[in-house]
Amino acid sequence: MSSQTQRSTAPTARAQGSHHYVLTLELPGRMSSTWSGTITPHPGASRHDVYMALRNQIGDQNSELSRGNVVFFSLEPNRL
């Protein structure tokens, strides 16, 4: 099984987005991939809206992973 990690980074605090996410998808016995980064949801967006936007973006980049099992998902405010 292979493992891939993709990260989104931003050069400045302003460009970092209001939330940090981590999403891991798995195709059992084939591959596991983790994405992490920051995002600023549209006003009024829900956690589910952000989750679906991330899943759709990943599916657009890798059609196999659009059917992947969610192993982990976290969406938290991007502040200390």
PDB file of N, CA and C in Angstrom:
ATOM      1  N   MET A   1       0.849  -1.170   0.000  1.00  0.00           N
ATOM      2  CA  MET A   1       0.000   0.000   0.000  1.00  0.00           C
ATOM      3  C   MET A   1       0.889   1.225   0.000  1.00  0.00           C
ATOM      4  N   SER A   2       0.562   2.175  -0.864  1.00  0.00           N
ATOM      5  CA  SER A   2       1.343   3.402  -0.902  1.00  0.00           C
ATOM      6  C   SER A   2       0.631   4.490  -0.100  1.00  0.00           C
ATOM      7  N   SER A   3       1.385   5.478   0.272  1.00  0.00           N
ATOM      8  CA  SER A   3       0.840   6.598   1.021  1.00  0.00           C
ATOM      9  C   SER A   3       1.305   7.885   0.374  1.00  0.00           C
ATOM     10  N   GLN A   4       0.376   8.830   0.217  1.00  0.00           N
ATOM     11  CA  GLN A   4       0.694  10.110  -0.387  1.00  0.00           C
ATOM     12  C   GLN A   4       0.250  11.214   0.555  1.00  0.00           C
ATOM     13  N   THR A   5       0.992  12.279   0.578  1.00  0.00           N
ATOM     14  CA  THR A   5       0.610  13.441   1.372  1.00  0.00           C
ATOM     15  C   THR A   5       0.681  14.664   0.502  1.00  0.00           C
ATOM     16  N   GLN A   6      -0.378  15.468   0.536  1.00  0.00           N
ATOM     17  CA  GLN A   6      -0.387  16.729  -0.179  1.00  0.00           C
ATOM     18  C   GLN A   6      -0.662  17.812   0.842  1.00  0.00           C
ATOM     19  N   ARG A   7       0.039  18.909   0.729  1.00  0.00           N
ATOM     20  CA  ARG A   7      -0.138  20.008   1.667  1.00  0.00           C
ATOM     21  C   ARG A   7      -0.393  21.294   0.916  1.00  0.00           C
ATOM     22  N   SER A   8      -1.235  22.100   1.498  1.00  0.00           N
ATOM     23  CA  SER A   8      -1.444  23.447   0.991  1.00  0.00           C
ATOM     24  C   SER A   8      -0.788  24.391   1.981  1.00  0.00           C
ATOM     25  N   THR A   9       0.086  25.232   1.500  1.00  0.00           N
ATOM     26  CA  THR A   9       0.731  26.190   2.386  1.00  0.00           C
ATOM     27  C   THR A   9       0.491  27.589   1.868  1.00  0.00           C
ATOM     28  N   ALA A  10       0.542  28.555   2.771  1.00  0.00           N
ATOM     29  CA  ALA A  10       0.324  29.942   2.390  1.00  0.00           C
ATOM     30  C   ALA A  10       1.494  30.778   2.863  1.00  0.00           C
ATOM     31  N   PRO A  11       1.901  31.779   2.095  1.00  0.00           N
ATOM     32  CA  PRO A  11       3.082  32.560   2.450  1.00  0.00           C
ATOM     33  C   PRO A  11       2.860  33.569   3.569  1.00  0.00           C
ATOM     34  N   THR A  12       1.640  34.007   3.784  1.00  0.00           N
ATOM     35  CA  THR A  12       1.388  35.009   4.810  1.00  0.00           C
ATOM     36  C   THR A  12       0.221  34.588   5.690  1.00  0.00           C
ATOM     37  N   ALA A  13       0.140  35.178   6.876  1.00  0.00           N
ATOM     38  CA  ALA A  13      -0.950  34.856   7.791  1.00  0.00           C
ATOM     39  C   ALA A  13      -2.296  35.203   7.164  1.00  0.00           C
ATOM     40  N   ARG A  14      -2.370  36.302   6.437  1.00  0.00           N
ATOM     41  CA  ARG A  14      -3.628  36.708   5.819  1.00  0.00           C
ATOM     42  C   ARG A  14      -4.096  35.668   4.799  1.00  0.00           C
ATOM     43  N   ALA A  15      -3.175  35.059   4.084  1.00  0.00           N
ATOM     44  CA  ALA A  15      -3.522  34.084   3.058  1.00  0.00           C
ATOM     45  C   ALA A  15      -3.768  32.692   3.634  1.00  0.00           C
ATOM     46  N   GLN A  16      -3.602  32.519   4.931  1.00  0.00           N
ATOM     47  CA  GLN A  16      -3.720  31.184   5.527  1.00  0.00           C
ATOM     48  C   GLN A  16      -5.142  30.662   5.614  1.00  0.00           C
ATOM     49  N   GLY A  17      -6.115  31.489   5.563  1.00  0.00           N
ATOM     50  CA  GLY A  17      -7.483  31.007   5.686  1.00  0.00           C
ATOM     51  C   GLY A  17      -7.911  30.964   7.137  1.00  0.00           C
ATOM     52  N   SER A  18      -9.195  30.873   7.331  1.00  0.00           N
ATOM     53  CA  SER A  18      -9.735  30.929   8.688  1.00  0.00           C
ATOM     54  C   SER A  18      -9.802  29.569   9.376  1.00  0.00           C
ATOM     55  N   HIS A  19      -9.686  28.491   8.597  1.00  0.00           N
ATOM     56  CA  HIS A  19      -9.777  27.137   9.157  1.00  0.00           C
ATOM     57  C   HIS A  19      -8.653  26.250   8.618  1.00  0.00           C
ATOM     58  N   HIS A  20      -8.238  25.305   9.438  1.00  0.00           N
ATOM     59  CA  HIS A  20      -7.247  24.302   9.035  1.00  0.00           C
ATOM     60  C   HIS A  20      -7.976  22.972   8.902  1.00  0.00           C
ATOM     61  N   TYR A  21      -7.654  22.224   7.845  1.00  0.00           N
ATOM     62  CA  TYR A  21      -8.293  20.919   7.647  1.00  0.00           C
ATOM     63  C   TYR A  21      -7.246  19.832   7.459  1.00  0.00           C
ATOM     64  N   VAL A  22      -7.660  18.614   7.794  1.00  0.00           N
ATOM     65  CA  VAL A  22      -6.902  17.403   7.502  1.00  0.00           C
ATOM     66  C   VAL A  22      -7.934  16.375   7.033  1.00  0.00           C
ATOM     67  N   LEU A  23      -7.676  15.758   5.890  1.00  0.00           N
ATOM     68  CA  LEU A  23      -8.586  14.765   5.333  1.00  0.00           C
ATOM     69  C   LEU A  23      -7.758  13.597   4.812  1.00  0.00           C
ATOM     70  N   THR A  24      -8.068  12.408   5.308  1.00  0.00           N
ATOM     71  CA  THR A  24      -7.390  11.191   4.858  1.00  0.00           C
ATOM     72  C   THR A  24      -8.406  10.279   4.199  1.00  0.00           C
ATOM     73  N   LEU A  25      -8.087   9.836   2.988  1.00  0.00           N
ATOM     74  CA  LEU A  25      -8.916   8.891   2.244  1.00  0.00           C
ATOM     75  C   LEU A  25      -8.115   7.633   1.979  1.00  0.00           C
ATOM     76  N   GLU A  26      -8.825   6.514   1.896  1.00  0.00           N
ATOM     77  CA  GLU A  26      -8.152   5.242   1.672  1.00  0.00           C
ATOM     78  C   GLU A  26      -8.922   4.412   0.658  1.00  0.00           C
ATOM     79  N   LEU A  27      -8.175   3.782  -0.229  1.00  0.00           N
ATOM     80  CA  LEU A  27      -8.687   2.709  -1.070  1.00  0.00           C
ATOM     81  C   LEU A  27      -8.090   1.446  -0.461  1.00  0.00           C
ATOM     82  N   PRO A  28      -8.875   0.685   0.305  1.00  0.00           N
ATOM     83  CA  PRO A  28      -8.329  -0.434   1.075  1.00  0.00           C
ATOM     84  C   PRO A  28      -7.440  -1.360   0.240  1.00  0.00           C
ATOM     85  N   GLY A  29      -6.251  -1.589   0.785  1.00  0.00           N
ATOM     86  CA  GLY A  29      -5.292  -2.468   0.138  1.00  0.00           C
ATOM     87  C   GLY A  29      -4.575  -1.857  -1.047  1.00  0.00           C
ATOM     88  N   ARG A  30      -4.916  -0.611  -1.396  1.00  0.00           N
ATOM     89  CA  ARG A  30      -4.315   0.000  -2.578  1.00  0.00           C
ATOM     90  C   ARG A  30      -3.538   1.260  -2.268  1.00  0.00           C
ATOM     91  N   MET A  31      -4.180   2.217  -1.587  1.00  0.00           N
ATOM     92  CA  MET A  31      -3.505   3.471  -1.300  1.00  0.00           C
ATOM     93  C   MET A  31      -4.234   4.232  -0.210  1.00  0.00           C
ATOM     94  N   SER A  32      -3.492   5.095   0.422  1.00  0.00           N
ATOM     95  CA  SER A  32      -4.021   5.996   1.435  1.00  0.00           C
ATOM     96  C   SER A  32      -3.400   7.363   1.170  1.00  0.00           C
ATOM     97  N   SER A  33      -4.217   8.419   1.210  1.00  0.00           N
ATOM     98  CA  SER A  33      -3.717   9.767   0.944  1.00  0.00           C
ATOM     99  C   SER A  33      -4.272  10.741   1.970  1.00  0.00           C
ATOM    100  N   THR A  34      -3.420  11.679   2.377  1.00  0.00           N
ATOM    101  CA  THR A  34      -3.816  12.693   3.342  1.00  0.00           C
ATOM    102  C   THR A  34      -3.585  14.070   2.743  1.00  0.00           C
ATOM    103  N   TRP A  35      -4.569  14.944   2.889  1.00  0.00           N
ATOM    104  CA  TRP A  35      -4.478  16.336   2.481  1.00  0.00           C
ATOM    105  C   TRP A  35      -4.629  17.202   3.711  1.00  0.00           C
ATOM    106  N   SER A  36      -3.870  18.265   3.757  1.00  0.00           N
ATOM    107  CA  SER A  36      -4.018  19.229   4.850  1.00  0.00           C
ATOM    108  C   SER A  36      -3.746  20.608   4.292  1.00  0.00           C
ATOM    109  N   GLY A  37      -4.340  21.588   4.920  1.00  0.00           N
ATOM    110  CA  GLY A  37      -4.144  22.951   4.471  1.00  0.00           C
ATOM    111  C   GLY A  37      -5.099  23.880   5.179  1.00  0.00           C
ATOM    112  N   THR A  38      -5.261  25.048   4.604  1.00  0.00           N
ATOM    113  CA  THR A  38      -6.171  26.028   5.174  1.00  0.00           C
ATOM    114  C   THR A  38      -7.214  26.416   4.137  1.00  0.00           C
ATOM    115  N   ILE A  39      -8.343  26.862   4.645  1.00  0.00           N
ATOM    116  CA  ILE A  39      -9.452  27.247   3.783  1.00  0.00           C
ATOM    117  C   ILE A  39     -10.278  28.315   4.494  1.00  0.00           C
ATOM    118  N   THR A  40     -10.837  29.224   3.738  1.00  0.00           N
ATOM    119  CA  THR A  40     -11.781  30.189   4.281  1.00  0.00           C
ATOM    120  C   THR A  40     -13.130  29.895   3.635  1.00  0.00           C
ATOM    121  N   PRO A  41     -14.041  29.286   4.386  1.00  0.00           N
ATOM    122  CA  PRO A  41     -15.359  28.950   3.824  1.00  0.00           C
ATOM    123  C   PRO A  41     -16.145  30.205   3.456  1.00  0.00           C
ATOM    124  N   HIS A  42     -17.061  30.045   2.520  1.00  0.00           N
ATOM    125  CA  HIS A  42     -17.964  31.138   2.156  1.00  0.00           C
ATOM    126  C   HIS A  42     -18.846  31.466   3.363  1.00  0.00           C
ATOM    127  N   PRO A  43     -19.255  32.709   3.514  1.00  0.00           N
ATOM    128  CA  PRO A  43     -20.153  33.065   4.622  1.00  0.00           C
ATOM    129  C   PRO A  43     -21.394  32.163   4.619  1.00  0.00           C
ATOM    130  N   GLY A  44     -21.723  31.628   5.772  1.00  0.00           N
ATOM    131  CA  GLY A  44     -22.888  30.760   5.909  1.00  0.00           C
ATOM    132  C   GLY A  44     -22.630  29.303   5.582  1.00  0.00           C
ATOM    133  N   ALA A  45     -21.415  28.968   5.144  1.00  0.00           N
ATOM    134  CA  ALA A  45     -21.091  27.577   4.808  1.00  0.00           C
ATOM    135  C   ALA A  45     -21.042  26.725   6.076  1.00  0.00           C
ATOM    136  N   SER A  46     -21.432  25.478   5.941  1.00  0.00           N
ATOM    137  CA  SER A  46     -21.401  24.544   7.063  1.00  0.00           C
ATOM    138  C   SER A  46     -20.146  23.675   6.982  1.00  0.00           C
ATOM    139  N   ARG A  47     -19.910  22.941   8.043  1.00  0.00           N
ATOM    140  CA  ARG A  47     -18.802  21.970   8.062  1.00  0.00           C
ATOM    141  C   ARG A  47     -18.986  20.971   6.920  1.00  0.00           C
ATOM    142  N   HIS A  48     -20.215  20.525   6.703  1.00  0.00           N
ATOM    143  CA  HIS A  48     -20.512  19.582   5.621  1.00  0.00           C
ATOM    144  C   HIS A  48     -20.208  20.196   4.256  1.00  0.00           C
ATOM    145  N   ASP A  49     -20.520  21.470   4.075  1.00  0.00           N
ATOM    146  CA  ASP A  49     -20.221  22.148   2.808  1.00  0.00           C
ATOM    147  C   ASP A  49     -18.723  22.124   2.519  1.00  0.00           C
ATOM    148  N   VAL A  50     -17.916  22.399   3.541  1.00  0.00           N
ATOM    149  CA  VAL A  50     -16.461  22.400   3.374  1.00  0.00           C
ATOM    150  C   VAL A  50     -15.976  20.980   3.071  1.00  0.00           C
ATOM    151  N   TYR A  51     -16.491  20.007   3.811  1.00  0.00           N
ATOM    152  CA  TYR A  51     -16.129  18.601   3.592  1.00  0.00           C
ATOM    153  C   TYR A  51     -16.431  18.192   2.146  1.00  0.00           C
ATOM    154  N   MET A  52     -17.621  18.508   1.663  1.00  0.00           N
ATOM    155  CA  MET A  52     -17.989  18.127   0.306  1.00  0.00           C
ATOM    156  C   MET A  52     -17.139  18.864  -0.732  1.00  0.00           C
ATOM    157  N   ALA A  53     -16.822  20.119  -0.488  1.00  0.00           N
ATOM    158  CA  ALA A  53     -15.965  20.869  -1.419  1.00  0.00           C
ATOM    159  C   ALA A  53     -14.580  20.224  -1.507  1.00  0.00           C
ATOM    160  N   LEU A  54     -14.035  19.816  -0.364  1.00  0.00           N
ATOM    161  CA  LEU A  54     -12.729  19.163  -0.360  1.00  0.00           C
ATOM    162  C   LEU A  54     -12.795  17.811  -1.069  1.00  0.00           C
ATOM    163  N   ARG A  55     -13.835  17.020  -0.793  1.00  0.00           N
ATOM    164  CA  ARG A  55     -13.988  15.714  -1.464  1.00  0.00           C
ATOM    165  C   ARG A  55     -14.100  15.898  -2.970  1.00  0.00           C
ATOM    166  N   ASN A  56     -14.877  16.890  -3.395  1.00  0.00           N
ATOM    167  CA  ASN A  56     -15.038  17.131  -4.830  1.00  0.00           C
ATOM    168  C   ASN A  56     -13.728  17.570  -5.473  1.00  0.00           C
ATOM    169  N   GLN A  57     -12.976  18.417  -4.778  1.00  0.00           N
ATOM    170  CA  GLN A  57     -11.691  18.872  -5.303  1.00  0.00           C
ATOM    171  C   GLN A  57     -10.730  17.688  -5.453  1.00  0.00           C
ATOM    172  N   ILE A  58     -10.688  16.829  -4.463  1.00  0.00           N
ATOM    173  CA  ILE A  58      -9.823  15.650  -4.516  1.00  0.00           C
ATOM    174  C   ILE A  58     -10.269  14.724  -5.644  1.00  0.00           C
ATOM    175  N   GLY A  59     -11.571  14.524  -5.772  1.00  0.00           N
ATOM    176  CA  GLY A  59     -12.098  13.678  -6.843  1.00  0.00           C
ATOM    177  C   GLY A  59     -11.777  14.214  -8.223  1.00  0.00           C
ATOM    178  N   ASP A  60     -11.763  15.536  -8.360  1.00  0.00           N
ATOM    179  CA  ASP A  60     -11.399  16.144  -9.639  1.00  0.00           C
ATOM    180  C   ASP A  60      -9.930  15.892  -9.974  1.00  0.00           C
ATOM    181  N   GLN A  61      -9.081  15.841  -8.935  1.00  0.00           N
ATOM    182  CA  GLN A  61      -7.646  15.628  -9.132  1.00  0.00           C
ATOM    183  C   GLN A  61      -7.306  14.157  -9.304  1.00  0.00           C
ATOM    184  N   ASN A  62      -8.087  13.272  -8.675  1.00  0.00           N
ATOM    185  CA  ASN A  62      -7.812  11.836  -8.716  1.00  0.00           C
ATOM    186  C   ASN A  62      -9.136  11.098  -8.637  1.00  0.00           C
ATOM    187  N   SER A  63      -9.661  10.686  -9.781  1.00  0.00           N
ATOM    188  CA  SER A  63     -10.999  10.099  -9.829  1.00  0.00           C
ATOM    189  C   SER A  63     -11.123   8.829  -8.980  1.00  0.00           C
ATOM    190  N   GLU A  64     -10.050   8.068  -8.837  1.00  0.00           N
ATOM    191  CA  GLU A  64     -10.119   6.866  -7.992  1.00  0.00           C
ATOM    192  C   GLU A  64     -10.453   7.218  -6.548  1.00  0.00           C
ATOM    193  N   LEU A  65      -9.828   8.288  -6.044  1.00  0.00           N
ATOM    194  CA  LEU A  65     -10.036   8.655  -4.643  1.00  0.00           C
ATOM    195  C   LEU A  65     -11.411   9.261  -4.381  1.00  0.00           C
ATOM    196  N   SER A  66     -12.153   9.598  -5.413  1.00  0.00           N
ATOM    197  CA  SER A  66     -13.513  10.105  -5.199  1.00  0.00           C
ATOM    198  C   SER A  66     -14.386   9.022  -4.573  1.00  0.00           C
ATOM    199  N   ARG A  67     -13.975   7.762  -4.702  1.00  0.00           N
ATOM    200  CA  ARG A  67     -14.689   6.638  -4.095  1.00  0.00           C
ATOM    201  C   ARG A  67     -14.008   6.138  -2.821  1.00  0.00           C
ATOM    202  N   GLY A  68     -12.988   6.842  -2.364  1.00  0.00           N
ATOM    203  CA  GLY A  68     -12.219   6.404  -1.207  1.00  0.00           C
ATOM    204  C   GLY A  68     -13.007   6.485   0.092  1.00  0.00           C
ATOM    205  N   ASN A  69     -12.624   5.633   1.032  1.00  0.00           N
ATOM    206  CA  ASN A  69     -13.202   5.663   2.373  1.00  0.00           C
ATOM    207  C   ASN A  69     -12.554   6.790   3.165  1.00  0.00           C
ATOM    208  N   VAL A  70     -13.364   7.508   3.915  1.00  0.00           N
ATOM    209  CA  VAL A  70     -12.833   8.559   4.783  1.00  0.00           C
ATOM    210  C   VAL A  70     -12.293   7.902   6.045  1.00  0.00           C
ATOM    211  N   VAL A  71     -11.004   8.076   6.291  1.00  0.00           N
ATOM    212  CA  VAL A  71     -10.360   7.544   7.479  1.00  0.00           C
ATOM    213  C   VAL A  71     -10.326   8.613   8.571  1.00  0.00           C
ATOM    214  N   PHE A  72     -10.147   9.884   8.146  1.00  0.00           N
ATOM    215  CA  PHE A  72     -10.051  10.972   9.110  1.00  0.00           C
ATOM    216  C   PHE A  72     -10.454  12.272   8.449  1.00  0.00           C
ATOM    217  N   PHE A  73     -11.200  13.101   9.193  1.00  0.00           N
ATOM    218  CA  PHE A  73     -11.514  14.453   8.749  1.00  0.00           C
ATOM    219  C   PHE A  73     -11.557  15.362   9.950  1.00  0.00           C
ATOM    220  N   SER A  74     -10.847  16.481   9.847  1.00  0.00           N
ATOM    221  CA  SER A  74     -10.841  17.476  10.902  1.00  0.00           C
ATOM    222  C   SER A  74     -10.907  18.856  10.261  1.00  0.00           C
ATOM    223  N   LEU A  75     -11.728  19.725  10.825  1.00  0.00           N
ATOM    224  CA  LEU A  75     -11.832  21.111  10.386  1.00  0.00           C
ATOM    225  C   LEU A  75     -11.937  21.953  11.642  1.00  0.00           C
ATOM    226  N   GLU A  76     -10.925  22.768  11.875  1.00  0.00           N
ATOM    227  CA  GLU A  76     -10.824  23.553  13.112  1.00  0.00           C
ATOM    228  C   GLU A  76     -10.475  25.001  12.774  1.00  0.00           C
ATOM    229  N   PRO A  77     -10.886  25.939  13.616  1.00  0.00           N
ATOM    230  CA  PRO A  77     -10.455  27.321  13.420  1.00  0.00           C
ATOM    231  C   PRO A  77      -8.927  27.399  13.386  1.00  0.00           C
ATOM    232  N   ASN A  78      -8.385  28.203  12.486  1.00  0.00           N
ATOM    233  CA  ASN A  78      -6.941  28.285  12.286  1.00  0.00           C
ATOM    234  C   ASN A  78      -6.366  29.390  13.183  1.00  0.00           C
ATOM    235  N   ARG A  79      -6.353  29.103  14.459  1.00  0.00           N
ATOM    236  CA  ARG A  79      -5.791  30.061  15.423  1.00  0.00           C
ATOM    237  C   ARG A  79      -5.232  29.280  16.611  1.00  0.00           C
ATOM    238  N   LEU A  80      -4.333  29.903  17.341  1.00  0.00           N
ATOM    239  CA  LEU A  80      -3.772  29.277  18.534  1.00  0.00           C
ATOM    240  C   LEU A  80      -4.466  29.807  19.766  1.00  0.00           C
TER     241      LEU A  80
END
